[in-house]
All heavy atoms as atom14 arrays in JSON, in Angstrom:
{
  "sequence": "TTGLDARRHAIVSIGVVPFNLSRVRLAERRYWVVRPPRPLSSQSVTFH",
  "atom14_mask": [
    [1, 1, 1, 1, 1, 1, 1, 0, 0, 0, 0, 0, 0, 0],
    [1, 1, 1, 1, 1, 1, 1, 0, 0, 0, 0, 0, 0, 0],
    [1, 1, 1, 1, 0, 0, 0, 0, 0, 0, 0, 0, 0, 0],
    [1, 1, 1, 1, 1, 1, 1, 1, 0, 0, 0, 0, 0, 0],
    [1, 1, 1, 1, 1, 1, 1, 1, 0, 0, 0, 0, 0, 0],
    [1, 1, 1, 1, 1, 0, 0, 0, 0, 0, 0, 0, 0, 0],
    [1, 1, 1, 1, 1, 1, 1, 1, 1, 1, 1, 0, 0, 0],
    [1, 1, 1, 1, 1, 1, 1, 1, 1, 1, 1, 0, 0, 0],
    [1, 1, 1, 1, 1, 1, 1, 1, 1, 1, 0, 0, 0, 0],
    [1, 1, 1, 1, 1, 0, 0, 0, 0, 0, 0, 0, 0, 0],
    [1, 1, 1, 1, 1, 1, 1, 1, 0, 0, 0, 0, 0, 0],
    [1, 1, 1, 1, 1, 1, 1, 0, 0, 0, 0, 0, 0, 0],
    [1, 1, 1, 1, 1, 1, 0, 0, 0, 0, 0, 0, 0, 0],
    [1, 1, 1, 1, 1, 1, 1, 1, 0, 0, 0, 0, 0, 0],
    [1, 1, 1, 1, 0, 0, 0, 0, 0, 0, 0, 0, 0, 0],
    [1, 1, 1, 1, 1, 1, 1, 0, 0, 0, 0, 0, 0, 0],
    [1, 1, 1, 1, 1, 1, 1, 0, 0, 0, 0, 0, 0, 0],
    [1, 1, 1, 1, 1, 1, 1, 0, 0, 0, 0, 0, 0, 0],
    [1, 1, 1, 1, 1, 1, 1, 1, 1, 1, 1, 0, 0, 0],
    [1, 1, 1, 1, 1, 1, 1, 1, 0, 0, 0, 0, 0, 0],
    [1, 1, 1, 1, 1, 1, 1, 1, 0, 0, 0, 0, 0, 0],
    [1, 1, 1, 1, 1, 1, 0, 0, 0, 0, 0, 0, 0, 0],
    [1, 1, 1, 1, 1, 1, 1, 1, 1, 1, 1, 0, 0, 0],
    [1, 1, 1, 1, 1, 1, 1, 0, 0, 0, 0, 0, 0, 0],
    [1, 1, 1, 1, 1, 1, 1, 1, 1, 1, 1, 0, 0, 0],
    [1, 1, 1, 1, 1, 1, 1, 1, 0, 0, 0, 0, 0, 0],
    [1, 1, 1, 1, 1, 0, 0, 0, 0, 0, 0, 0, 0, 0],
    [1, 1, 1, 1, 1, 1, 1, 1, 1, 0, 0, 0, 0, 0],
    [1, 1, 1, 1, 1, 1, 1, 1, 1, 1, 1, 0, 0, 0],
    [1, 1, 1, 1, 1, 1, 1, 1, 1, 1, 1, 0, 0, 0],
    [1, 1, 1, 1, 1, 1, 1, 1, 1, 1, 1, 1, 0, 0],
    [1, 1, 1, 1, 1, 1, 1, 1, 1, 1, 1, 1, 1, 1],
    [1, 1, 1, 1, 1, 1, 1, 0, 0, 0, 0, 0, 0, 0],
    [1, 1, 1, 1, 1, 1, 1, 0, 0, 0, 0, 0, 0, 0],
    [1, 1, 1, 1, 1, 1, 1, 1, 1, 1, 1, 0, 0, 0],
    [1, 1, 1, 1, 1, 1, 1, 0, 0, 0, 0, 0, 0, 0],
    [1, 1, 1, 1, 1, 1, 1, 0, 0, 0, 0, 0, 0, 0],
    [1, 1, 1, 1, 1, 1, 1, 1, 1, 1, 1, 0, 0, 0],
    [1, 1, 1, 1, 1, 1, 1, 0, 0, 0, 0, 0, 0, 0],
    [1, 1, 1, 1, 1, 1, 1, 1, 0, 0, 0, 0, 0, 0],
    [1, 1, 1, 1, 1, 1, 0, 0, 0, 0, 0, 0, 0, 0],
    [1, 1, 1, 1, 1, 1, 0, 0, 0, 0, 0, 0, 0, 0],
    [1, 1, 1, 1, 1, 1, 1, 1, 1, 0, 0, 0, 0, 0],
    [1, 1, 1, 1, 1, 1, 0, 0, 0, 0, 0, 0, 0, 0],
    [1, 1, 1, 1, 1, 1, 1, 0, 0, 0, 0, 0, 0, 0],
    [1, 1, 1, 1, 1, 1, 1, 0, 0, 0, 0, 0, 0, 0],
    [1, 1, 1, 1, 1, 1, 1, 1, 1, 1, 1, 0, 0, 0],
    [1, 1, 1, 1, 1, 1, 1, 1, 1, 1, 0, 0, 0, 0]
  ],
  "atom14_positions": [
    [[1.58, -6.52, -12.87], [0.4, -6.11, -13.62], [0.26, -6.96, -14.88], [1.18, -7.66, -15.29], [0.5, -4.62, -14.01], [1.64, -4.43, -14.88], [0.65, -3.73, -12.77], [0.0, 0.0, 0.0], [0.0, 0.0, 0.0], [0.0, 0.0, 0.0], [0.0, 0.0, 0.0], [0.0, 0.0, 0.0], [0.0, 0.0, 0.0], [0.0, 0.0, 0.0]],
    [[-0.9, -6.88, -15.5], [-1.14, -7.66, -16.71], [-0.52, -7.01, -17.95], [-0.57, -7.59, -19.03], [-2.65, -7.85, -16.94], [-3.27, -6.56, -17.04], [-3.28, -8.62, -15.8], [0.0, 0.0, 0.0], [0.0, 0.0, 0.0], [0.0, 0.0, 0.0], [0.0, 0.0, 0.0], [0.0, 0.0, 0.0], [0.0, 0.0, 0.0], [0.0, 0.0, 0.0]],
    [[0.05, -5.84, -17.81], [0.67, -5.12, -18.91], [1.21, -3.81, -18.4], [1.24, -3.55, -17.19], [0.0, 0.0, 0.0], [0.0, 0.0, 0.0], [0.0, 0.0, 0.0], [0.0, 0.0, 0.0], [0.0, 0.0, 0.0], [0.0, 0.0, 0.0], [0.0, 0.0, 0.0], [0.0, 0.0, 0.0], [0.0, 0.0, 0.0], [0.0, 0.0, 0.0]],
    [[1.62, -2.95, -19.31], [2.28, -1.7, -18.93], [1.4, -0.47, -19.05], [1.81, 0.62, -18.64], [3.54, -1.5, -19.78], [4.6, -2.61, -19.67], [5.77, -2.31, -20.6], [5.07, -2.75, -18.23], [0.0, 0.0, 0.0], [0.0, 0.0, 0.0], [0.0, 0.0, 0.0], [0.0, 0.0, 0.0], [0.0, 0.0, 0.0], [0.0, 0.0, 0.0]],
    [[0.21, -0.61, -19.6], [-0.69, 0.53, -19.82], [-1.77, 0.53, -18.75], [-2.64, -0.34, -18.74], [-1.31, 0.43, -21.21], [-2.14, 1.66, -21.58], [-2.47, 2.46, -20.69], [-2.46, 1.81, -22.77], [0.0, 0.0, 0.0], [0.0, 0.0, 0.0], [0.0, 0.0, 0.0], [0.0, 0.0, 0.0], [0.0, 0.0, 0.0], [0.0, 0.0, 0.0]],
    [[-1.72, 1.51, -17.85], [-2.68, 1.57, -16.75], [-4.11, 1.74, -17.22], [-5.05, 1.44, -16.49], [-2.31, 2.7, -15.78], [0.0, 0.0, 0.0], [0.0, 0.0, 0.0], [0.0, 0.0, 0.0], [0.0, 0.0, 0.0], [0.0, 0.0, 0.0], [0.0, 0.0, 0.0], [0.0, 0.0, 0.0], [0.0, 0.0, 0.0], [0.0, 0.0, 0.0]],
    [[-4.31, 2.22, -18.46], [-5.67, 2.4, -18.98], [-6.27, 1.09, -19.47], [-7.49, 0.95, -19.52], [-5.67, 3.43, -20.12], [-5.25, 4.84, -19.68], [-4.96, 5.71, -20.88], [-3.8, 5.19, -21.64], [-3.31, 5.78, -22.71], [-3.86, 6.88, -23.18], [-2.27, 5.25, -23.34], [0.0, 0.0, 0.0], [0.0, 0.0, 0.0], [0.0, 0.0, 0.0]],
    [[-5.43, 0.13, -19.83], [-5.93, -1.13, -20.41], [-5.61, -2.37, -19.58], [-6.23, -3.41, -19.76], [-5.35, -1.33, -21.82], [-5.73, -0.24, -22.81], [-5.28, -0.59, -24.22], [-3.83, -0.73, -24.33], [-3.19, -1.87, -24.58], [-3.87, -2.99, -24.74], [-1.87, -1.9, -24.68], [0.0, 0.0, 0.0], [0.0, 0.0, 0.0], [0.0, 0.0, 0.0]],
    [[-4.65, -2.25, -18.68], [-4.2, -3.41, -17.92], [-4.52, -3.23, -16.43], [-5.01, -2.18, -16.03], [-2.71, -3.64, -18.16], [-2.38, -3.88, -19.59], [-1.47, -3.12, -20.3], [-2.87, -4.79, -20.48], [-1.39, -3.56, -21.54], [-2.23, -4.56, -21.68], [0.0, 0.0, 0.0], [0.0, 0.0, 0.0], [0.0, 0.0, 0.0], [0.0, 0.0, 0.0]],
    [[-4.24, -4.25, -15.64], [-4.68, -4.25, -14.25], [-3.62, -4.83, -13.33], [-2.71, -5.55, -13.75], [-5.98, -5.05, -14.11], [0.0, 0.0, 0.0], [0.0, 0.0, 0.0], [0.0, 0.0, 0.0], [0.0, 0.0, 0.0], [0.0, 0.0, 0.0], [0.0, 0.0, 0.0], [0.0, 0.0, 0.0], [0.0, 0.0, 0.0], [0.0, 0.0, 0.0]],
    [[-3.76, -4.54, -12.05], [-2.87, -5.06, -11.01], [-3.24, -6.5, -10.69], [-4.42, -6.84, -10.56], [-2.99, -4.2, -9.74], [-2.6, -2.75, -10.02], [-2.12, -4.76, -8.61], [-3.01, -1.78, -8.92], [0.0, 0.0, 0.0], [0.0, 0.0, 0.0], [0.0, 0.0, 0.0], [0.0, 0.0, 0.0], [0.0, 0.0, 0.0], [0.0, 0.0, 0.0]],
    [[-2.22, -7.37, -10.53], [-2.5, -8.74, -10.1], [-1.83, -9.09, -8.76], [-2.24, -10.03, -8.1], [-2.09, -9.78, -11.16], [-2.99, -9.69, -12.37], [-0.63, -9.63, -11.57], [0.0, 0.0, 0.0], [0.0, 0.0, 0.0], [0.0, 0.0, 0.0], [0.0, 0.0, 0.0], [0.0, 0.0, 0.0], [0.0, 0.0, 0.0], [0.0, 0.0, 0.0]],
    [[-0.81, -8.34, -8.36], [-0.22, -8.57, -7.04], [0.48, -7.3, -6.56], [0.9, -6.47, -7.37], [0.77, -9.74, -7.06], [1.89, -9.46, -7.85], [0.0, 0.0, 0.0], [0.0, 0.0, 0.0], [0.0, 0.0, 0.0], [0.0, 0.0, 0.0], [0.0, 0.0, 0.0], [0.0, 0.0, 0.0], [0.0, 0.0, 0.0], [0.0, 0.0, 0.0]],
    [[0.58, -7.19, -5.24], [1.2, -6.02, -4.61], [2.06, -6.49, -3.46], [1.63, -7.34, -2.65], [0.14, -5.03, -4.07], [-0.82, -4.6, -5.18], [0.8, -3.81, -3.43], [-1.99, -3.76, -4.68], [0.0, 0.0, 0.0], [0.0, 0.0, 0.0], [0.0, 0.0, 0.0], [0.0, 0.0, 0.0], [0.0, 0.0, 0.0], [0.0, 0.0, 0.0]],
    [[3.26, -5.95, -3.36], [4.13, -6.22, -2.22], [4.59, -4.91, -1.59], [4.88, -3.95, -2.31], [0.0, 0.0, 0.0], [0.0, 0.0, 0.0], [0.0, 0.0, 0.0], [0.0, 0.0, 0.0], [0.0, 0.0, 0.0], [0.0, 0.0, 0.0], [0.0, 0.0, 0.0], [0.0, 0.0, 0.0], [0.0, 0.0, 0.0], [0.0, 0.0, 0.0]],
    [[4.62, -4.87, -0.27], [5.11, -3.68, 0.44], [6.08, -4.12, 1.53], [5.85, -5.14, 2.21], [3.97, -2.83, 1.04], [3.1, -2.21, -0.04], [3.12, -3.63, 1.99], [0.0, 0.0, 0.0], [0.0, 0.0, 0.0], [0.0, 0.0, 0.0], [0.0, 0.0, 0.0], [0.0, 0.0, 0.0], [0.0, 0.0, 0.0], [0.0, 0.0, 0.0]],
    [[7.14, -3.35, 1.7], [8.15, -3.64, 2.72], [8.52, -2.32, 3.41], [9.2, -1.48, 2.82], [9.41, -4.28, 2.13], [10.45, -4.52, 3.21], [9.08, -5.6, 1.43], [0.0, 0.0, 0.0], [0.0, 0.0, 0.0], [0.0, 0.0, 0.0], [0.0, 0.0, 0.0], [0.0, 0.0, 0.0], [0.0, 0.0, 0.0], [0.0, 0.0, 0.0]],
    [[8.1, -2.1, 4.66], [8.51, -0.9, 5.39], [10.0, -0.94, 5.71], [10.56, -2.01, 5.99], [7.66, -0.95, 6.66], [6.51, -1.86, 6.34], [7.1, -2.88, 5.4], [0.0, 0.0, 0.0], [0.0, 0.0, 0.0], [0.0, 0.0, 0.0], [0.0, 0.0, 0.0], [0.0, 0.0, 0.0], [0.0, 0.0, 0.0], [0.0, 0.0, 0.0]],
    [[10.64, 0.25, 5.69], [12.07, 0.29, 5.98], [12.5, 1.73, 6.24], [11.75, 2.68, 6.01], [12.88, -0.3, 4.82], [12.99, 0.58, 3.6], [14.19, 1.23, 3.3], [11.91, 0.77, 2.75], [14.3, 2.03, 2.16], [12.02, 1.56, 1.61], [13.21, 2.2, 1.32], [0.0, 0.0, 0.0], [0.0, 0.0, 0.0], [0.0, 0.0, 0.0]],
    [[13.71, 1.88, 6.73], [14.4, 3.17, 6.75], [15.84, 2.91, 6.34], [16.18, 1.79, 5.91], [14.28, 3.85, 8.13], [14.77, 2.96, 9.26], [15.75, 2.23, 9.12], [14.09, 3.01, 10.39], [0.0, 0.0, 0.0], [0.0, 0.0, 0.0], [0.0, 0.0, 0.0], [0.0, 0.0, 0.0], [0.0, 0.0, 0.0], [0.0, 0.0, 0.0]],
    [[16.7, 3.89, 6.44], [18.07, 3.69, 5.97], [18.87, 2.73, 6.84], [19.89, 2.21, 6.4], [18.81, 5.03, 5.89], [18.35, 6.0, 4.81], [19.32, 7.17, 4.72], [18.2, 5.32, 3.45], [0.0, 0.0, 0.0], [0.0, 0.0, 0.0], [0.0, 0.0, 0.0], [0.0, 0.0, 0.0], [0.0, 0.0, 0.0], [0.0, 0.0, 0.0]],
    [[18.39, 2.46, 8.05], [19.12, 1.59, 8.96], [18.57, 0.17, 9.02], [19.29, -0.75, 9.4], [19.1, 2.18, 10.38], [19.67, 3.47, 10.4], [0.0, 0.0, 0.0], [0.0, 0.0, 0.0], [0.0, 0.0, 0.0], [0.0, 0.0, 0.0], [0.0, 0.0, 0.0], [0.0, 0.0, 0.0], [0.0, 0.0, 0.0], [0.0, 0.0, 0.0]],
    [[17.31, 0.0, 8.63], [16.68, -1.29, 8.88], [15.57, -1.57, 7.88], [14.8, -0.66, 7.54], [16.1, -1.31, 10.3], [15.38, -2.58, 10.69], [14.79, -2.42, 12.07], [14.02, -3.58, 12.46], [13.22, -3.64, 13.51], [13.09, -2.57, 14.29], [12.54, -4.74, 13.8], [0.0, 0.0, 0.0], [0.0, 0.0, 0.0], [0.0, 0.0, 0.0]],
    [[15.49, -2.8, 7.41], [14.36, -3.27, 6.61], [13.45, -4.06, 7.54], [13.89, -5.03, 8.18], [14.83, -4.15, 5.44], [13.63, -4.73, 4.68], [15.71, -3.35, 4.48], [0.0, 0.0, 0.0], [0.0, 0.0, 0.0], [0.0, 0.0, 0.0], [0.0, 0.0, 0.0], [0.0, 0.0, 0.0], [0.0, 0.0, 0.0], [0.0, 0.0, 0.0]],
    [[12.2, -3.66, 7.64], [11.26, -4.26, 8.6], [10.51, -5.43, 7.94], [9.32, -5.35, 7.65], [10.29, -3.2, 9.1], [10.99, -1.99, 9.72], [10.0, -0.99, 10.3], [10.66, 0.21, 10.74], [11.34, 0.34, 11.89], [11.43, -0.69, 12.7], [11.93, 1.49, 12.2], [0.0, 0.0, 0.0], [0.0, 0.0, 0.0], [0.0, 0.0, 0.0]],
    [[11.22, -6.53, 7.76], [10.63, -7.67, 7.07], [9.44, -8.26, 7.83], [8.53, -8.83, 7.22], [11.69, -8.75, 6.83], [12.54, -8.59, 5.58], [13.57, -9.72, 5.5], [11.68, -8.57, 4.33], [0.0, 0.0, 0.0], [0.0, 0.0, 0.0], [0.0, 0.0, 0.0], [0.0, 0.0, 0.0], [0.0, 0.0, 0.0], [0.0, 0.0, 0.0]],
    [[9.43, -8.13, 9.14], [8.31, -8.66, 9.91], [7.0, -7.95, 9.57], [5.92, -8.49, 9.81], [8.6, -8.55, 11.41], [0.0, 0.0, 0.0], [0.0, 0.0, 0.0], [0.0, 0.0, 0.0], [0.0, 0.0, 0.0], [0.0, 0.0, 0.0], [0.0, 0.0, 0.0], [0.0, 0.0, 0.0], [0.0, 0.0, 0.0], [0.0, 0.0, 0.0]],
    [[7.1, -6.73, 9.01], [5.91, -5.95, 8.67], [5.58, -6.01, 7.18], [4.71, -5.29, 6.71], [6.1, -4.5, 9.11], [6.33, -4.35, 10.61], [6.65, -2.91, 11.0], [6.16, -1.98, 10.33], [7.43, -2.72, 11.96], [0.0, 0.0, 0.0], [0.0, 0.0, 0.0], [0.0, 0.0, 0.0], [0.0, 0.0, 0.0], [0.0, 0.0, 0.0]],
    [[6.24, -6.85, 6.44], [5.99, -6.97, 5.0], [4.56, -7.46, 4.76], [3.99, -8.18, 5.57], [6.98, -7.93, 4.36], [6.78, -9.38, 4.79], [7.95, -10.24, 4.36], [7.75, -11.65, 4.68], [8.0, -12.19, 5.87], [8.44, -11.44, 6.87], [7.82, -13.5, 6.06], [0.0, 0.0, 0.0], [0.0, 0.0, 0.0], [0.0, 0.0, 0.0]],
    [[4.01, -7.08, 3.61], [2.68, -7.55, 3.22], [2.71, -7.91, 1.73], [3.42, -7.28, 0.94], [1.61, -6.48, 3.47], [1.46, -6.03, 4.92], [1.01, -7.15, 5.83], [-0.24, -7.78, 5.41], [-1.45, -7.35, 5.79], [-1.57, -6.28, 6.57], [-2.54, -7.98, 5.4], [0.0, 0.0, 0.0], [0.0, 0.0, 0.0], [0.0, 0.0, 0.0]],
    [[1.89, -8.89, 1.38], [1.82, -9.33, -0.01], [0.39, -9.77, -0.3], [-0.22, -10.49, 0.49], [2.79, -10.48, -0.26], [2.68, -11.08, -1.64], [3.12, -10.39, -2.77], [2.12, -12.36, -1.83], [3.02, -10.93, -4.04], [2.02, -12.91, -3.1], [2.47, -12.19, -4.2], [2.37, -12.73, -5.45], [0.0, 0.0, 0.0], [0.0, 0.0, 0.0]],
    [[-0.13, -9.32, -1.44], [-1.49, -9.69, -1.84], [-1.51, -10.05, -3.31], [-0.88, -9.37, -4.14], [-2.46, -8.51, -1.65], [-2.55, -7.96, -0.27], [-3.4, -8.35, 0.74], [-1.81, -6.84, 0.25], [-3.22, -7.56, 1.85], [-2.24, -6.63, 1.58], [-0.81, -6.0, -0.28], [-1.73, -5.62, 2.38], [-0.29, -5.0, 0.52], [-0.74, -4.82, 1.84]],
    [[-2.25, -11.09, -3.64], [-2.67, -11.35, -5.01], [-4.1, -10.83, -5.12], [-4.92, -11.08, -4.21], [-2.62, -12.85, -5.36], [-3.21, -13.1, -6.74], [-1.18, -13.35, -5.3], [0.0, 0.0, 0.0], [0.0, 0.0, 0.0], [0.0, 0.0, 0.0], [0.0, 0.0, 0.0], [0.0, 0.0, 0.0], [0.0, 0.0, 0.0], [0.0, 0.0, 0.0]],
    [[-4.41, -10.08, -6.17], [-5.74, -9.52, -6.34], [-6.32, -9.93, -7.69], [-5.57, -10.22, -8.63], [-5.74, -7.98, -6.2], [-5.35, -7.57, -4.79], [-4.82, -7.33, -7.22], [0.0, 0.0, 0.0], [0.0, 0.0, 0.0], [0.0, 0.0, 0.0], [0.0, 0.0, 0.0], [0.0, 0.0, 0.0], [0.0, 0.0, 0.0], [0.0, 0.0, 0.0]],
    [[-7.63, -9.96, -7.77], [-8.3, -10.41, -8.99], [-8.47, -9.25, -9.96], [-9.13, -8.26, -9.63], [-9.66, -11.0, -8.63], [-10.39, -11.62, -9.81], [-11.67, -12.31, -9.38], [-12.64, -11.36, -8.86], [-12.99, -11.26, -7.57], [-12.44, -12.06, -6.68], [-13.88, -10.38, -7.19], [0.0, 0.0, 0.0], [0.0, 0.0, 0.0], [0.0, 0.0, 0.0]],
    [[-7.9, -9.34, -11.16], [-8.09, -8.27, -12.14], [-9.49, -8.34, -12.75], [-10.13, -9.4, -12.72], [-7.02, -8.57, -13.2], [-6.81, -10.04, -13.11], [-7.03, -10.42, -11.66], [0.0, 0.0, 0.0], [0.0, 0.0, 0.0], [0.0, 0.0, 0.0], [0.0, 0.0, 0.0], [0.0, 0.0, 0.0], [0.0, 0.0, 0.0], [0.0, 0.0, 0.0]],
    [[-9.98, -7.23, -13.3], [-11.33, -7.23, -13.86], [-11.47, -8.02, -15.15], [-12.58, -8.35, -15.56], [-11.61, -5.74, -14.1], [-10.27, -5.11, -14.22], [-9.37, -5.9, -13.32], [0.0, 0.0, 0.0], [0.0, 0.0, 0.0], [0.0, 0.0, 0.0], [0.0, 0.0, 0.0], [0.0, 0.0, 0.0], [0.0, 0.0, 0.0], [0.0, 0.0, 0.0]],
    [[-10.35, -8.33, -15.82], [-10.38, -9.1, -17.06], [-9.51, -10.33, -16.93], [-8.55, -10.33, -16.15], [-9.89, -8.22, -18.23], [-10.86, -7.11, -18.59], [-10.29, -6.22, -19.68], [-9.13, -5.46, -19.22], [-9.23, -4.34, -18.52], [-10.41, -3.84, -18.21], [-8.14, -3.69, -18.15], [0.0, 0.0, 0.0], [0.0, 0.0, 0.0], [0.0, 0.0, 0.0]],
    [[-9.79, -11.4, -17.69], [-8.98, -12.63, -17.6], [-7.51, -12.37, -17.92], [-7.17, -11.49, -18.7], [-9.64, -13.54, -18.65], [-11.01, -13.01, -18.85], [-10.91, -11.52, -18.64], [0.0, 0.0, 0.0], [0.0, 0.0, 0.0], [0.0, 0.0, 0.0], [0.0, 0.0, 0.0], [0.0, 0.0, 0.0], [0.0, 0.0, 0.0], [0.0, 0.0, 0.0]],
    [[-6.67, -13.18, -17.33], [-5.24, -13.09, -17.61], [-4.93, -13.62, -19.0], [-5.54, -14.59, -19.45], [-4.46, -13.92, -16.59], [-4.52, -13.5, -15.12], [-3.76, -14.53, -14.27], [-3.94, -12.12, -14.92], [0.0, 0.0, 0.0], [0.0, 0.0, 0.0], [0.0, 0.0, 0.0], [0.0, 0.0, 0.0], [0.0, 0.0, 0.0], [0.0, 0.0, 0.0]],
    [[-3.97, -13.02, -19.65], [-3.46, -13.55, -20.92], [-2.35, -14.56, -20.61], [-1.74, -14.53, -19.54], [-2.92, -12.43, -21.8], [-1.75, -11.87, -21.2], [0.0, 0.0, 0.0], [0.0, 0.0, 0.0], [0.0, 0.0, 0.0], [0.0, 0.0, 0.0], [0.0, 0.0, 0.0], [0.0, 0.0, 0.0], [0.0, 0.0, 0.0], [0.0, 0.0, 0.0]],
    [[-2.07, -15.44, -21.56], [-1.0, -16.41, -21.37], [0.34, -15.7, -21.23], [1.22, -16.14, -20.47], [-0.97, -17.38, -22.55], [-0.81, -16.68, -23.78], [0.0, 0.0, 0.0], [0.0, 0.0, 0.0], [0.0, 0.0, 0.0], [0.0, 0.0, 0.0], [0.0, 0.0, 0.0], [0.0, 0.0, 0.0], [0.0, 0.0, 0.0], [0.0, 0.0, 0.0]],
    [[0.52, -14.58, -21.94], [1.76, -13.82, -21.84], [1.93, -13.26, -20.44], [3.03, -13.26, -19.87], [1.77, -12.69, -22.87], [3.06, -11.88, -22.89], [3.0, -10.77, -23.92], [1.94, -10.36, -24.36], [4.17, -10.28, -24.32], [0.0, 0.0, 0.0], [0.0, 0.0, 0.0], [0.0, 0.0, 0.0], [0.0, 0.0, 0.0], [0.0, 0.0, 0.0]],
    [[0.83, -12.78, -19.84], [0.87, -12.24, -18.49], [1.26, -13.32, -17.48], [2.1, -13.1, -16.61], [-0.5, -11.64, -18.13], [-0.51, -11.18, -16.8], [0.0, 0.0, 0.0], [0.0, 0.0, 0.0], [0.0, 0.0, 0.0], [0.0, 0.0, 0.0], [0.0, 0.0, 0.0], [0.0, 0.0, 0.0], [0.0, 0.0, 0.0], [0.0, 0.0, 0.0]],
    [[0.67, -14.5, -17.6], [0.98, -15.6, -16.68], [2.45, -16.0, -16.79], [3.13, -16.23, -15.78], [0.07, -16.81, -16.96], [0.49, -18.01, -16.12], [-1.39, -16.46, -16.68], [0.0, 0.0, 0.0], [0.0, 0.0, 0.0], [0.0, 0.0, 0.0], [0.0, 0.0, 0.0], [0.0, 0.0, 0.0], [0.0, 0.0, 0.0], [0.0, 0.0, 0.0]],
    [[2.96, -16.05, -18.01], [4.36, -16.41, -18.22], [5.29, -15.39, -17.56], [6.33, -15.76, -17.01], [4.67, -16.47, -19.73], [3.84, -17.46, -20.33], [6.13, -16.82, -19.97], [0.0, 0.0, 0.0], [0.0, 0.0, 0.0], [0.0, 0.0, 0.0], [0.0, 0.0, 0.0], [0.0, 0.0, 0.0], [0.0, 0.0, 0.0], [0.0, 0.0, 0.0]],
    [[4.9, -14.13, -17.58], [5.76, -13.07, -17.07], [5.83, -13.08, -15.54], [6.91, -13.06, -14.96], [5.25, -11.72, -17.57], [6.18, -10.57, -17.31], [7.35, -10.44, -18.02], [5.87, -9.63, -16.34], [8.22, -9.38, -17.78], [6.73, -8.57, -16.09], [7.91, -8.45, -16.82], [0.0, 0.0, 0.0], [0.0, 0.0, 0.0], [0.0, 0.0, 0.0]],
    [[4.66, -13.1, -14.87], [4.67, -12.98, -13.4], [4.33, -14.27, -12.67], [4.34, -14.29, -11.43], [3.75, -11.84, -12.93], [2.37, -11.9, -13.51], [1.52, -12.96, -13.32], [1.68, -10.99, -14.25], [0.37, -12.72, -13.93], [0.44, -11.54, -14.51], [0.0, 0.0, 0.0], [0.0, 0.0, 0.0], [0.0, 0.0, 0.0], [0.0, 0.0, 0.0]]
  ]
}
């Protein structure tokens, strides 16, 4: 995310990995970069 406050900041990427206690299903993993409603700050880019 672009910061830690959900009221002021936004999501920039999401990763999901299905699994259970016996197996991690890496073949079903998904990853997305998404466009936030406001421009990224330089601090945000440095972090993620």
